C-alpha atoms as a PDB file:
ATOM      1  CA  MET A   1     -33.465-170.313  52.144  1.00  0.00           C
ATOM      2  CA  ASN A   2     -31.288-172.277  54.567  1.00  0.00           C
ATOM      3  CA  ARG A   3     -30.088-170.890  57.867  1.00  0.00           C
ATOM      4  CA  GLN A   4     -26.506-170.252  56.703  1.00  0.00           C
ATOM      5  CA  ASN A   5     -27.610-168.028  53.810  1.00  0.00           C
ATOM      6  CA  ALA A   6     -30.109-166.195  55.988  1.00  0.00           C
ATOM      7  CA  LEU A   7     -27.464-165.623  58.661  1.00  0.00           C
ATOM      8  CA  PHE A   8     -24.978-164.371  56.075  1.00  0.00           C
ATOM      9  CA  LYS A   9     -27.482-161.869  54.680  1.00  0.00           C
ATOM     10  CA  TYR A  10     -28.366-160.762  58.206  1.00  0.00           C
ATOM     11  CA  ILE A  11     -24.698-160.085  59.008  1.00  0.00           C
ATOM     12  CA  LEU A  12     -24.231-158.148  55.764  1.00  0.00           C
ATOM     13  CA  SER A  13     -27.315-156.045  56.450  1.00  0.00           C
ATOM     14  CA  ARG A  14     -26.101-155.186  59.971  1.00  0.00           C
ATOM     15  CA  ILE A  15     -22.663-154.233  58.660  1.00  0.00           C
ATOM     16  CA  ALA A  16     -24.136-152.204  55.791  1.00  0.00           C
ATOM     17  CA  ILE A  17     -26.087-149.861  58.069  1.00  0.00           C
ATOM     18  CA  THR A  18     -23.068-149.169  60.304  1.00  0.00           C
ATOM     19  CA  PRO A  19     -21.741-146.194  58.291  1.00  0.00           C
ATOM     20  CA  LEU A  20     -25.239-144.704  58.157  1.00  0.00           C
ATOM     21  CA  MET A  21     -25.653-144.906  61.930  1.00  0.00           C
ATOM     22  CA  ILE A  22     -22.241-143.342  62.577  1.00  0.00           C
ATOM     23  CA  TRP A  23     -22.971-140.572  60.057  1.00  0.00           C
ATOM     24  CA  ILE A  24     -26.279-139.733  61.754  1.00  0.00           C
ATOM     25  CA  ILE A  25     -24.636-139.571  65.186  1.00  0.00           C
ATOM     26  CA  ALA A  26     -21.707-137.501  63.894  1.00  0.00           C
ATOM     27  CA  THR A  27     -24.110-135.070  62.212  1.00  0.00           C
ATOM     28  CA  MET A  28     -26.155-134.690  65.388  1.00  0.00           C
ATOM     29  CA  VAL A  29     -23.021-133.993  67.441  1.00  0.00           C
ATOM     30  CA  PHE A  30     -21.801-131.417  64.915  1.00  0.00           C
ATOM     31  CA  ALA A  31     -25.161-129.633  64.909  1.00  0.00           C
ATOM     32  CA  LEU A  32     -25.641-129.672  68.681  1.00  0.00           C
ATOM     33  CA  LEU A  33     -22.200-128.234  69.346  1.00  0.00           C
ATOM     34  CA  ARG A  34     -22.833-125.376  66.918  1.00  0.00           C
ATOM     35  CA  ILE A  35     -26.218-124.382  68.336  1.00  0.00           C
ATOM     36  CA  ALA A  36     -25.173-124.729  71.983  1.00  0.00           C
ATOM     37  CA  PRO A  37     -24.512-121.426  73.793  1.00  0.00           C
ATOM     38  CA  GLY A  38     -20.918-120.267  74.215  1.00  0.00           C
ATOM     39  CA  ASP A  39     -17.943-119.638  71.947  1.00  0.00           C
ATOM     40  CA  PRO A  40     -14.753-121.749  71.895  1.00  0.00           C
ATOM     41  CA  VAL A  41     -12.750-118.588  71.146  1.00  0.00           C
ATOM     42  CA  ASP A  42     -13.939-117.133  74.457  1.00  0.00           C
ATOM     43  CA  ALA A  43     -13.008-120.365  76.205  1.00  0.00           C
ATOM     44  CA  ILE A  44      -9.450-120.148  74.846  1.00  0.00           C
ATOM     45  CA  LEU A  45      -8.719-116.396  74.957  1.00  0.00           C
ATOM     46  CA  GLY A  46     -11.213-115.232  77.561  1.00  0.00           C
ATOM     47  CA  ASN A  47     -13.717-112.410  77.282  1.00  0.00           C
ATOM     48  CA  ARG A  48     -11.113-109.644  77.518  1.00  0.00           C
ATOM     49  CA  ALA A  49      -9.205-110.472  74.315  1.00  0.00           C
ATOM     50  CA  ASN A  50      -9.308-107.819  71.595  1.00  0.00           C
ATOM     51  CA  GLU A  51     -11.308-108.367  68.447  1.00  0.00           C
ATOM     52  CA  THR A  52      -8.230-108.751  66.208  1.00  0.00           C
ATOM     53  CA  ALA A  53      -6.883-111.662  68.243  1.00  0.00           C
ATOM     54  CA  ARG A  54     -10.344-113.223  68.332  1.00  0.00           C
ATOM     55  CA  GLU A  55     -10.722-113.029  64.549  1.00  0.00           C
ATOM     56  CA  LEU A  56      -7.244-114.432  63.930  1.00  0.00           C
ATOM     57  CA  LEU A  57      -7.925-117.391  66.174  1.00  0.00           C
ATOM     58  CA  ARG A  58     -11.352-117.930  64.642  1.00  0.00           C
ATOM     59  CA  SER A  59      -9.774-117.982  61.172  1.00  0.00           C
ATOM     60  CA  ARG A  60      -7.025-120.387  62.272  1.00  0.00           C
ATOM     61  CA  LEU A  61      -9.600-122.753  63.720  1.00  0.00           C
ATOM     62  CA  GLY A  62     -11.778-122.558  60.609  1.00  0.00           C
ATOM     63  CA  LEU A  63     -14.726-121.174  62.573  1.00  0.00           C
ATOM     64  CA  ASP A  64     -15.076-118.234  60.178  1.00  0.00           C
ATOM     65  CA  GLN A  65     -16.057-120.591  57.349  1.00  0.00           C
ATOM     66  CA  PRO A  66     -19.711-121.154  56.384  1.00  0.00           C
ATOM     67  CA  LEU A  67     -21.374-123.868  58.432  1.00  0.00           C
ATOM     68  CA  LEU A  68     -21.760-126.147  55.409  1.00  0.00           C
ATOM     69  CA  ASN A  69     -18.038-125.934  54.669  1.00  0.00           C
ATOM     70  CA  GLN A  70     -17.236-126.753  58.287  1.00  0.00           C
ATOM     71  CA  TYR A  71     -19.585-129.746  58.129  1.00  0.00           C
ATOM     72  CA  LEU A  72     -18.146-131.115  54.885  1.00  0.00           C
ATOM     73  CA  SER A  73     -14.606-130.655  56.190  1.00  0.00           C
ATOM     74  CA  PHE A  74     -15.620-132.458  59.388  1.00  0.00           C
ATOM     75  CA  LEU A  75     -17.016-135.447  57.464  1.00  0.00           C
ATOM     76  CA  ASN A  76     -14.003-135.561  55.137  1.00  0.00           C
ATOM     77  CA  ASN A  77     -11.624-135.621  58.106  1.00  0.00           C
ATOM     78  CA  ILE A  78     -13.565-138.469  59.733  1.00  0.00           C
ATOM     79  CA  LEU A  79     -13.392-140.515  56.520  1.00  0.00           C
ATOM     80  CA  HIS A  80      -9.610-140.064  56.486  1.00  0.00           C
ATOM     81  CA  GLY A  81      -9.212-140.863  60.176  1.00  0.00           C
ATOM     82  CA  ASN A  82      -8.331-137.278  61.030  1.00  0.00           C
ATOM     83  CA  LEU A  83     -10.267-136.037  64.067  1.00  0.00           C
ATOM     84  CA  GLY A  84      -8.469-132.700  64.208  1.00  0.00           C
ATOM     85  CA  GLU A  85      -6.535-131.069  67.031  1.00  0.00           C
ATOM     86  CA  SER A  86      -7.588-129.882  70.449  1.00  0.00           C
ATOM     87  CA  LEU A  87      -8.420-126.174  70.477  1.00  0.00           C
ATOM     88  CA  ASN A  88      -6.739-125.771  73.842  1.00  0.00           C
ATOM     89  CA  THR A  89      -3.630-127.954  73.715  1.00  0.00           C
ATOM     90  CA  GLN A  90      -3.156-128.361  69.922  1.00  0.00           C
ATOM     91  CA  GLN A  91      -2.722-132.068  70.628  1.00  0.00           C
ATOM     92  CA  PRO A  92      -4.129-134.431  67.975  1.00  0.00           C
ATOM     93  CA  VAL A  93      -7.516-135.754  69.056  1.00  0.00           C
ATOM     94  CA  THR A  94      -6.543-139.277  67.992  1.00  0.00           C
ATOM     95  CA  GLU A  95      -3.641-139.110  70.433  1.00  0.00           C
ATOM     96  CA  ILE A  96      -5.950-137.962  73.239  1.00  0.00           C
ATOM     97  CA  ILE A  97      -8.359-140.800  72.488  1.00  0.00           C
ATOM     98  CA  SER A  98      -5.566-143.380  72.212  1.00  0.00           C
ATOM     99  CA  LYS A  99      -4.560-142.567  75.786  1.00  0.00           C
ATOM    100  CA  ALA A 100      -8.070-142.346  77.251  1.00  0.00           C
ATOM    101  CA  LEU A 101      -9.706-145.308  75.479  1.00  0.00           C
ATOM    102  CA  PRO A 102      -7.548-148.078  77.045  1.00  0.00           C
ATOM    103  CA  ALA A 103      -8.212-146.600  80.504  1.00  0.00           C
ATOM    104  CA  SER A 104     -11.966-146.653  79.925  1.00  0.00           C
ATOM    105  CA  LEU A 105     -11.946-150.142  78.421  1.00  0.00           C
ATOM    106  CA  GLU A 106      -9.830-151.487  81.280  1.00  0.00           C
ATOM    107  CA  LEU A 107     -12.287-150.046  83.787  1.00  0.00           C
ATOM    108  CA  CYS A 108     -15.266-151.320  81.751  1.00  0.00           C
ATOM    109  CA  PHE A 109     -14.073-154.916  81.438  1.00  0.00           C
ATOM    110  CA  THR A 110     -13.027-155.134  85.087  1.00  0.00           C
ATOM    111  CA  SER A 111     -16.339-153.645  86.230  1.00  0.00           C
ATOM    112  CA  LEU A 112     -18.293-155.943  83.928  1.00  0.00           C
ATOM    113  CA  PHE A 113     -16.459-158.999  85.269  1.00  0.00           C
ATOM    114  CA  ILE A 114     -17.344-158.012  88.846  1.00  0.00           C
ATOM    115  CA  ALA A 115     -20.935-157.231  87.850  1.00  0.00           C
ATOM    116  CA  LEU A 116     -21.390-160.592  86.119  1.00  0.00           C
ATOM    117  CA  LEU A 117     -19.753-162.503  88.962  1.00  0.00           C
ATOM    118  CA  ILE A 118     -21.974-160.922  91.627  1.00  0.00           C
ATOM    119  CA  GLY A 119     -25.121-160.555  89.553  1.00  0.00           C
ATOM    120  CA  LEU A 120     -25.217-164.056  88.062  1.00  0.00           C
ATOM    121  CA  THR A 121     -24.416-165.630  91.431  1.00  0.00           C
ATOM    122  CA  ILE A 122     -27.268-163.782  93.138  1.00  0.00           C
ATOM    123  CA  GLY A 123     -29.688-164.352  90.254  1.00  0.00           C
ATOM    124  CA  PHE A 124     -28.927-168.064  90.061  1.00  0.00           C
ATOM    125  CA  SER A 125     -29.101-168.619  93.828  1.00  0.00           C
ATOM    126  CA  GLY A 126     -32.599-167.138  93.983  1.00  0.00           C
ATOM    127  CA  ILE A 127     -34.077-169.667  91.558  1.00  0.00           C
ATOM    128  CA  ALA A 128     -33.367-172.644  93.828  1.00  0.00           C
ATOM    129  CA  LYS A 129     -36.166-171.563  96.197  1.00  0.00           C
ATOM    130  CA  PRO A 130     -38.457-169.112  94.409  1.00  0.00           C
ATOM    131  CA  GLU A 131     -40.144-166.628  96.736  1.00  0.00           C
ATOM    132  CA  GLY A 132     -37.846-167.762  99.536  1.00  0.00           C
ATOM    133  CA  LYS A 133     -35.579-165.664 101.732  1.00  0.00           C
ATOM    134  CA  THR A 134     -32.620-165.886  99.345  1.00  0.00           C
ATOM    135  CA  ASP A 135     -34.817-164.944  96.408  1.00  0.00           C
ATOM    136  CA  PHE A 136     -36.240-161.977  98.322  1.00  0.00           C
ATOM    137  CA  ILE A 137     -32.773-160.744  99.291  1.00  0.00           C
ATOM    138  CA  GLY A 138     -31.608-161.091  95.690  1.00  0.00           C
ATOM    139  CA  ARG A 139     -34.549-159.108  94.366  1.00  0.00           C
ATOM    140  CA  PHE A 140     -34.060-156.398  96.976  1.00  0.00           C
ATOM    141  CA  TYR A 141     -30.365-156.253  96.115  1.00  0.00           C
ATOM    142  CA  GLY A 142     -31.121-155.886  92.404  1.00  0.00           C
ATOM    143  CA  ILE A 143     -33.543-153.016  92.947  1.00  0.00           C
ATOM    144  CA  SER A 144     -31.438-151.197  95.555  1.00  0.00           C
ATOM    145  CA  THR A 145     -28.144-151.305  93.623  1.00  0.00           C
ATOM    146  CA  TYR A 146     -29.872-150.127  90.463  1.00  0.00           C
ATOM    147  CA  ALA A 147     -31.374-147.166  92.367  1.00  0.00           C
ATOM    148  CA  LEU A 148     -28.157-146.053  94.095  1.00  0.00           C
ATOM    149  CA  PRO A 149     -26.764-142.723  92.800  1.00  0.00           C
ATOM    150  CA  PRO A 150     -23.313-143.491  91.312  1.00  0.00           C
ATOM    151  CA  PHE A 151     -21.586-140.431  92.799  1.00  0.00           C
ATOM    152  CA  TRP A 152     -22.961-141.238  96.273  1.00  0.00           C
ATOM    153  CA  ALA A 153     -21.865-144.867  96.087  1.00  0.00           C
ATOM    154  CA  ALA A 154     -18.426-143.815  94.821  1.00  0.00           C
ATOM    155  CA  MET A 155     -17.917-141.360  97.666  1.00  0.00           C
ATOM    156  CA  ILE A 156     -19.043-143.915 100.278  1.00  0.00           C
ATOM    157  CA  MET A 157     -16.523-146.412  98.885  1.00  0.00           C
ATOM    158  CA  GLN A 158     -13.800-143.761  99.020  1.00  0.00           C
ATOM    159  CA  ILE A 159     -14.643-142.753 102.591  1.00  0.00           C
ATOM    160  CA  VAL A 160     -14.758-146.333 103.881  1.00  0.00           C
ATOM    161  CA  PHE A 161     -11.899-148.042 102.035  1.00  0.00           C
ATOM    162  CA  ALA A 162      -9.554-145.130 101.283  1.00  0.00           C
ATOM    163  CA  VAL A 163     -10.074-142.609 104.085  1.00  0.00           C
ATOM    164  CA  ILE A 164     -11.165-144.637 107.136  1.00  0.00           C
ATOM    165  CA  LEU A 165      -9.483-147.991 106.482  1.00  0.00           C
ATOM    166  CA  GLY A 166      -6.685-146.683 104.252  1.00  0.00           C
ATOM    167  CA  TRP A 167      -6.565-149.913 102.265  1.00  0.00           C
ATOM    168  CA  LEU A 168      -6.750-148.447  98.759  1.00  0.00           C
ATOM    169  CA  PRO A 169      -5.884-145.215  96.886  1.00  0.00           C
ATOM    170  CA  ILE A 170      -8.652-142.640  96.808  1.00  0.00           C
ATOM    171  CA  GLY A 171      -8.303-141.950  93.088  1.00  0.00           C
ATOM    172  CA  GLY A 172      -6.130-141.970  89.991  1.00  0.00           C
ATOM    173  CA  ARG A 173      -5.120-144.845  87.747  1.00  0.00           C
ATOM    174  CA  PHE A 174      -1.486-145.435  88.667  1.00  0.00           C
ATOM    175  CA  PRO A 175       0.955-144.478  91.446  1.00  0.00           C
ATOM    176  CA  ALA A 176       2.670-141.155  90.721  1.00  0.00           C
ATOM    177  CA  SER A 177       5.928-142.540  92.113  1.00  0.00           C
ATOM    178  CA  LEU A 178       6.153-145.255  89.428  1.00  0.00           C
ATOM    179  CA  ILE A 179       6.701-145.163  85.670  1.00  0.00           C
ATOM    180  CA  GLU A 180       3.800-146.556  83.650  1.00  0.00           C
ATOM    181  CA  PRO A 181       4.726-149.672  81.641  1.00  0.00           C
ATOM    182  CA  GLU A 182       4.656-149.120  77.899  1.00  0.00           C
ATOM    183  CA  GLY A 183       2.732-151.236  75.434  1.00  0.00           C
ATOM    184  CA  THR A 184      -0.973-151.538  74.766  1.00  0.00           C
ATOM    185  CA  GLY A 185      -2.122-148.807  77.161  1.00  0.00           C
ATOM    186  CA  PHE A 186      -3.851-151.392  79.365  1.00  0.00           C
ATOM    187  CA  LEU A 187      -1.685-150.995  82.457  1.00  0.00           C
ATOM    188  CA  ILE A 188      -2.574-154.327  84.066  1.00  0.00           C
ATOM    189  CA  LEU A 189      -1.832-156.247  80.863  1.00  0.00           C
ATOM    190  CA  ASP A 190       1.330-154.247  80.154  1.00  0.00           C
ATOM    191  CA  SER A 191       2.585-154.892  83.700  1.00  0.00           C
ATOM    192  CA  ILE A 192       2.093-158.631  83.256  1.00  0.00           C
ATOM    193  CA  LEU A 193       3.736-158.703  79.828  1.00  0.00           C
ATOM    194  CA  SER A 194       6.749-156.744  81.061  1.00  0.00           C
ATOM    195  CA  GLY A 195       6.993-158.719  84.308  1.00  0.00           C
ATOM    196  CA  ASN A 196       6.805-155.490  86.312  1.00  0.00           C
ATOM    197  CA  TRP A 197       4.943-156.778  89.365  1.00  0.00           C
ATOM    198  CA  LEU A 198       5.391-153.539  91.294  1.00  0.00           C
ATOM    199  CA  ALA A 199       3.517-151.714  88.527  1.00  0.00           C
ATOM    200  CA  PHE A 200       0.955-154.538  88.425  1.00  0.00           C
ATOM    201  CA  ASN A 201       0.275-154.130  92.145  1.00  0.00           C
ATOM    202  CA  GLY A 202      -0.099-150.368  91.724  1.00  0.00           C
ATOM    203  CA  ALA A 203      -2.498-150.714  88.791  1.00  0.00           C
ATOM    204  CA  ILE A 204      -4.610-153.323  90.593  1.00  0.00           C
ATOM    205  CA  ARG A 205      -4.825-151.246  93.779  1.00  0.00           C
ATOM    206  CA  HIS A 206      -6.022-148.207  91.843  1.00  0.00           C
ATOM    207  CA  ILE A 207      -8.652-150.028  89.796  1.00  0.00           C
ATOM    208  CA  ILE A 208     -10.272-151.943  92.670  1.00  0.00           C
ATOM    209  CA  LEU A 209     -12.375-149.085  94.064  1.00  0.00           C
ATOM    210  CA  PRO A 210     -13.813-147.655  90.818  1.00  0.00           C
ATOM    211  CA  SER A 211     -14.395-151.067  89.219  1.00  0.00           C
ATOM    212  CA  SER A 212     -15.984-152.499  92.369  1.00  0.00           C
ATOM    213  CA  THR A 213     -18.268-149.486  92.700  1.00  0.00           C
ATOM    214  CA  LEU A 214     -19.339-149.682  89.078  1.00  0.00           C
ATOM    215  CA  GLY A 215     -19.567-153.485  89.210  1.00  0.00           C
ATOM    216  CA  ILE A 216     -21.854-153.450  92.242  1.00  0.00           C
ATOM    217  CA  LEU A 217     -24.098-150.809  90.674  1.00  0.00           C
ATOM    218  CA  LEU A 218     -24.397-152.882  87.483  1.00  0.00           C
ATOM    219  CA  SER A 219     -24.722-156.288  89.140  1.00  0.00           C
ATOM    220  CA  GLY A 220     -28.367-155.685  90.016  1.00  0.00           C
ATOM    221  CA  ILE A 221     -29.257-155.483  86.319  1.00  0.00           C
ATOM    222  CA  PHE A 222     -27.726-158.891  85.641  1.00  0.00           C
ATOM    223  CA  SER A 223     -29.188-160.537  88.754  1.00  0.00           C
ATOM    224  CA  ARG A 224     -32.699-159.355  87.914  1.00  0.00           C
ATOM    225  CA  SER A 225     -32.363-160.251  84.238  1.00  0.00           C
ATOM    226  CA  LEU A 226     -31.112-163.773  84.975  1.00  0.00           C
ATOM    227  CA  ARG A 227     -33.690-164.348  87.705  1.00  0.00           C
ATOM    228  CA  LEU A 228     -36.556-163.170  85.476  1.00  0.00           C
ATOM    229  CA  ASN A 229     -35.509-165.093  82.363  1.00  0.00           C
ATOM    230  CA  LEU A 230     -34.548-168.211  84.293  1.00  0.00           C
ATOM    231  CA  GLY A 231     -37.925-168.184  86.036  1.00  0.00           C
ATOM    232  CA  LYS A 232     -39.748-167.976  82.700  1.00  0.00           C
ATOM    233  CA  THR A 233     -37.558-170.668  81.126  1.00  0.00           C
ATOM    234  CA  ILE A 234     -38.238-173.117  83.959  1.00  0.00           C
ATOM    235  CA  GLN A 235     -41.959-172.826  83.255  1.00  0.00           C
ATOM    236  CA  THR A 236     -41.612-173.851  79.599  1.00  0.00           C
ATOM    237  CA  ASN A 237     -42.833-177.176  78.240  1.00  0.00           C
ATOM    238  CA  TYR A 238     -39.427-178.673  77.486  1.00  0.00           C
ATOM    239  CA  VAL A 239     -38.300-178.109  81.087  1.00  0.00           C
ATOM    240  CA  GLU A 240     -41.490-179.735  82.403  1.00  0.00           C
ATOM    241  CA  ALA A 241     -40.886-182.651  80.030  1.00  0.00           C
ATOM    242  CA  ALA A 242     -37.349-183.047  81.367  1.00  0.00           C
ATOM    243  CA  MET A 243     -38.649-183.020  84.938  1.00  0.00           C
ATOM    244  CA  SER A 244     -41.228-185.664  84.073  1.00  0.00           C
ATOM    245  CA  ARG A 245     -38.395-187.940  82.924  1.00  0.00           C
ATOM    246  CA  GLY A 246     -36.944-187.868  86.431  1.00  0.00           C
ATOM    247  CA  LEU A 247     -33.997-185.572  85.845  1.00  0.00           C
ATOM    248  CA  SER A 248     -32.821-183.616  88.876  1.00  0.00           C
ATOM    249  CA  PHE A 249     -33.877-179.992  89.149  1.00  0.00           C
ATOM    250  CA  ARG A 250     -30.248-178.841  89.383  1.00  0.00           C
ATOM    251  CA  LYS A 251     -29.288-180.733  86.218  1.00  0.00           C
ATOM    252  CA  ILE A 252     -32.291-179.379  84.331  1.00  0.00           C
ATOM    253  CA  VAL A 253     -31.517-175.793  85.315  1.00  0.00           C
ATOM    254  CA  ILE A 254     -27.803-175.977  84.479  1.00  0.00           C
ATOM    255  CA  ASN A 255     -28.009-178.025  81.269  1.00  0.00           C
ATOM    256  CA  HIS A 256     -31.292-176.838  79.771  1.00  0.00           C
ATOM    257  CA  ALA A 257     -32.728-173.675  81.318  1.00  0.00           C
ATOM    258  CA  LEU A 258     -29.586-171.674  82.068  1.00  0.00           C
ATOM    259  CA  PRO A 259     -28.132-171.537  78.502  1.00  0.00           C
ATOM    260  CA  ASN A 260     -31.378-170.058  77.158  1.00  0.00           C
ATOM    261  CA  ALA A 261     -31.739-167.660  80.081  1.00  0.00           C
ATOM    262  CA  LEU A 262     -28.220-166.325  79.495  1.00  0.00           C
ATOM    263  CA  LEU A 263     -29.000-164.996  76.007  1.00  0.00           C
ATOM    264  CA  PRO A 264     -30.649-161.762  77.258  1.00  0.00           C
ATOM    265  CA  VAL A 265     -27.769-161.389  79.726  1.00  0.00           C
ATOM    266  CA  LEU A 266     -25.326-161.561  76.813  1.00  0.00           C
ATOM    267  CA  THR A 267     -27.206-158.749  75.089  1.00  0.00           C
ATOM    268  CA  ILE A 268     -27.154-156.598  78.227  1.00  0.00           C
ATOM    269  CA  ALA A 269     -23.447-157.297  78.773  1.00  0.00           C
ATOM    270  CA  GLY A 270     -22.559-156.193  75.245  1.00  0.00           C
ATOM    271  CA  LEU A 271     -24.572-153.000  75.463  1.00  0.00           C
ATOM    272  CA  THR A 272     -23.155-152.321  78.928  1.00  0.00           C
ATOM    273  CA  ILE A 273     -19.584-152.439  77.619  1.00  0.00           C
ATOM    274  CA  ALA A 274     -20.457-150.020  74.846  1.00  0.00           C
ATOM    275  CA  SER A 275     -22.302-147.587  77.076  1.00  0.00           C
ATOM    276  CA  LEU A 276     -19.652-147.601  79.791  1.00  0.00           C
ATOM    277  CA  VAL A 277     -16.901-146.441  77.440  1.00  0.00           C
ATOM    278  CA  GLY A 278     -18.379-142.949  77.423  1.00  0.00           C
ATOM    279  CA  GLY A 279     -21.041-143.249  80.076  1.00  0.00           C
ATOM    280  CA  ALA A 280     -19.160-143.857  83.329  1.00  0.00           C
ATOM    281  CA  LEU A 281     -18.779-140.105  83.792  1.00  0.00           C
ATOM    282  CA  LEU A 282     -19.630-139.825  87.482  1.00  0.00           C
ATOM    283  CA  ILE A 283     -17.369-142.740  88.393  1.00  0.00           C
ATOM    284  CA  GLU A 284     -14.425-141.435  86.355  1.00  0.00           C
ATOM    285  CA  VAL A 285     -14.822-137.898  87.716  1.00  0.00           C
ATOM    286  CA  THR A 286     -15.151-139.048  91.330  1.00  0.00           C
ATOM    287  CA  PHE A 287     -12.114-141.333  91.127  1.00  0.00           C
ATOM    288  CA  SER A 288     -10.104-139.039  88.781  1.00  0.00           C
ATOM    289  CA  TRP A 289      -9.914-141.900  86.285  1.00  0.00           C
ATOM    290  CA  PRO A 290      -8.339-140.605  83.032  1.00  0.00           C
ATOM    291  CA  GLY A 291     -10.802-142.218  80.650  1.00  0.00           C
ATOM    292  CA  MET A 292     -13.066-141.169  77.793  1.00  0.00           C
ATOM    293  CA  ALA A 293     -15.901-139.935  79.989  1.00  0.00           C
ATOM    294  CA  LEU A 294     -13.648-137.654  82.034  1.00  0.00           C
ATOM    295  CA  GLY A 295     -12.007-136.362  78.844  1.00  0.00           C
ATOM    296  CA  LEU A 296     -15.428-135.691  77.327  1.00  0.00           C
ATOM    297  CA  GLN A 297     -16.571-133.772  80.395  1.00  0.00           C
ATOM    298  CA  GLU A 298     -13.473-131.586  80.344  1.00  0.00           C
ATOM    299  CA  ALA A 299     -13.762-130.962  76.598  1.00  0.00           C
ATOM    300  CA  ILE A 300     -17.424-129.938  76.903  1.00  0.00           C
ATOM    301  CA  SER A 301     -16.638-127.493  79.711  1.00  0.00           C
ATOM    302  CA  GLN A 302     -13.871-125.949  77.569  1.00  0.00           C
ATOM    303  CA  ARG A 303     -15.950-125.869  74.382  1.00  0.00           C
ATOM    304  CA  ASP A 304     -13.276-127.934  72.656  1.00  0.00           C
ATOM    305  CA  TYR A 305     -15.213-128.920  69.518  1.00  0.00           C
ATOM    306  CA  PRO A 306     -12.726-131.360  67.944  1.00  0.00           C
ATOM    307  CA  VAL A 307     -12.196-133.337  71.160  1.00  0.00           C
ATOM    308  CA  VAL A 308     -15.939-133.577  71.862  1.00  0.00           C
ATOM    309  CA  GLN A 309     -16.680-134.619  68.286  1.00  0.00           C
ATOM    310  CA  GLY A 310     -13.827-137.125  68.199  1.00  0.00           C
ATOM    311  CA  ILE A 311     -14.757-138.798  71.483  1.00  0.00           C
ATOM    312  CA  VAL A 312     -18.463-138.993  70.673  1.00  0.00           C
ATOM    313  CA  VAL A 313     -17.863-140.393  67.184  1.00  0.00           C
ATOM    314  CA  THR A 314     -15.402-142.956  68.589  1.00  0.00           C
ATOM    315  CA  VAL A 315     -17.828-144.032  71.309  1.00  0.00           C
ATOM    316  CA  ALA A 316     -20.669-144.196  68.774  1.00  0.00           C
ATOM    317  CA  ALA A 317     -18.581-146.410  66.505  1.00  0.00           C
ATOM    318  CA  LEU A 318     -17.803-148.702  69.452  1.00  0.00           C
ATOM    319  CA  VAL A 319     -21.469-148.876  70.445  1.00  0.00           C
ATOM    320  CA  VAL A 320     -22.486-149.803  66.914  1.00  0.00           C
ATOM    321  CA  LEU A 321     -19.641-152.318  66.516  1.00  0.00           C
ATOM    322  CA  ILE A 322     -20.328-154.056  69.822  1.00  0.00           C
ATOM    323  CA  GLY A 323     -24.051-154.093  69.092  1.00  0.00           C
ATOM    324  CA  ILE A 324     -23.394-155.838  65.767  1.00  0.00           C
ATOM    325  CA  ILE A 325     -21.043-158.364  67.393  1.00  0.00           C
ATOM    326  CA  VAL A 326     -23.631-159.174  70.076  1.00  0.00           C
ATOM    327  CA  ASP A 327     -26.402-159.577  67.487  1.00  0.00           C
ATOM    328  CA  ILE A 328     -24.240-161.920  65.416  1.00  0.00           C
ATOM    329  CA  LEU A 329     -23.245-163.978  68.471  1.00  0.00           C
ATOM    330  CA  ILE A 330     -26.877-164.378  69.497  1.00  0.00           C
ATOM    331  CA  ALA A 331     -27.835-165.302  65.949  1.00  0.00           C
ATOM    332  CA  PHE A 332     -25.166-168.042  65.978  1.00  0.00           C
ATOM    333  CA  ILE A 333     -26.094-169.301  69.444  1.00  0.00           C
ATOM    334  CA  ASP A 334     -29.894-169.213  69.242  1.00  0.00           C
ATOM    335  CA  PRO A 335     -31.387-171.250  66.372  1.00  0.00           C
ATOM    336  CA  ARG A 336     -34.795-169.667  67.047  1.00  0.00           C
ATOM    337  CA  ILE A 337     -33.620-166.329  65.613  1.00  0.00           C
ATOM    338  CA  ARG A 338     -35.273-165.501  62.306  1.00  0.00           C
ATOM    339  CA  TYR A 339     -34.137-162.890  59.804  1.00  0.00           C
END
């Protein structure tokens, strides 16, 4: 079997298991929400509501149905793209997600860009003189940034750059005095497309602190990964053969070692994007960033089943999709991959 056929079958197999993975995650979310303590009716009406009002609301929400019927209805709605309505605001969950998802993705991509820029620079600079001062500083940086508590780092950034220096806003996504540009939901992109440079400046100023905080915290992962993989790649036979031919160390690293060392970094970057969509909770809460993580935290505290289920299923689908894309990219790039 040639490589093209093997790659095609590999892609089909990865795509084929996607619905199964999403179904398993959706089922787990449905079950966990039902066995968790608390009642969404109490969260909406309070504990002092009379029993008649409680039963009417329970019937309207479908919570009086057998659990199996609720589960089948839940799966049927997902298949038809209907994630239900919020128990508290009666707003369609798809509408809530459509507003929160661009905010999270904008923060994720900006943070990832900063993380890659800092992390790859530090990781690459350390390989020039292994075990030297620069290498030691890079390793210490990678360990220390990875160990920093996100909420602590976020508050320090707020205190220094927003409170003491007053350079940047302390939180939020956009100035309250301006009207958000319409379009894709990505405020920076929409500002550029509409030529609204005042809105662009406001969006940039608000995203700098949360994205820089998250980028610095993530950069240590990339610096350590690149440094470790680049160090191993330099010790391989083909690099030693290139050095024996008289090629410069810099040329060998850039042209031969670095492309192979970047493959694990690509994997980490893809998984980081997926995890940050719903995982940057502490950053979004600290900076009042209206993304998926903040929406999920609020929905959990309010026992808003449809919103929690919709956000988790959406994030799970993104994680699976990005994971498949990364696997396919690596399979195309690395001829050593076998299926």
